Each structure stands twice: as C-alpha cells, then as structure tokens.
Amino acid sequence: MIITRTPFRISFFGGGTDYPAWFKDHKGAVLATTINKYC
C-alpha cells in the first residue's frame, strides 16, 4: 500500500485558461497557491 499526502491547492483566477480549446486562440495565465492542509 502506498500512502501519499497532497496539499490543498487554491486557484484565485484563470483555472480554465489551461484548456487547449482556450489557449489555442487566447493567452492563458493562472494564479494559484497551496496551503498547509492536506487531503
């Protein structure tokens, strides 16, 4: 059994701009961070 810990990620804006259909025609930017809480 492998047990891992992954920090929670908070996305402030731009989370949908990384889809290929979007960034093919537009620029993309994402602002995100992690916090010291784990899932």
Protein backbone atom coordinates (compact mmCIF):
# COMPACT_ATOMS: atom_id res chain seq x y z
CA MET A 1 0.00 0.00 0.00
CA ILE A 2 1.27 3.46 -0.91
CA ILE A 3 0.03 6.37 1.18
CA THR A 4 0.62 9.92 -0.02
CA ARG A 5 -0.22 13.41 1.19
CA THR A 6 -1.26 16.12 -1.24
CA PRO A 7 -1.57 19.79 -0.19
CA PHE A 8 -4.80 21.64 -0.93
CA ARG A 9 -4.49 23.97 -3.91
CA ILE A 10 -6.31 27.29 -4.07
CA SER A 11 -6.86 28.79 -7.52
CA PHE A 12 -7.56 32.54 -7.46
CA PHE A 13 -8.26 33.02 -11.17
CA GLY A 14 -7.51 31.64 -14.60
CA GLY A 15 -8.12 27.96 -13.88
CA GLY A 16 -9.97 27.44 -17.16
CA THR A 17 -7.32 29.07 -19.35
CA ASP A 18 -5.22 25.90 -19.50
CA TYR A 19 -7.70 24.06 -21.73
CA PRO A 20 -6.35 23.51 -25.28
CA ALA A 21 -9.51 24.92 -26.89
CA TRP A 22 -8.98 28.20 -24.99
CA PHE A 23 -5.23 28.78 -25.23
CA LYS A 24 -5.18 27.90 -28.92
CA ASP A 25 -6.84 31.27 -29.60
CA HIS A 26 -6.09 33.22 -26.39
CA LYS A 27 -3.30 33.65 -23.92
CA GLY A 28 -3.58 31.96 -20.57
CA ALA A 29 -2.49 32.77 -17.03
CA VAL A 30 -3.18 31.08 -13.72
CA LEU A 31 -2.62 32.34 -10.18
CA ALA A 32 -2.71 29.55 -7.61
CA THR A 33 -1.08 28.57 -4.33
CA THR A 34 -1.10 25.74 -1.82
CA ILE A 35 -1.89 25.81 1.87
CA ASN A 36 -0.54 23.71 4.71
CA LYS A 37 -3.60 21.43 4.85
CA TYR A 38 -3.58 18.00 3.29
CA CYS A 39 -6.22 15.76 1.68
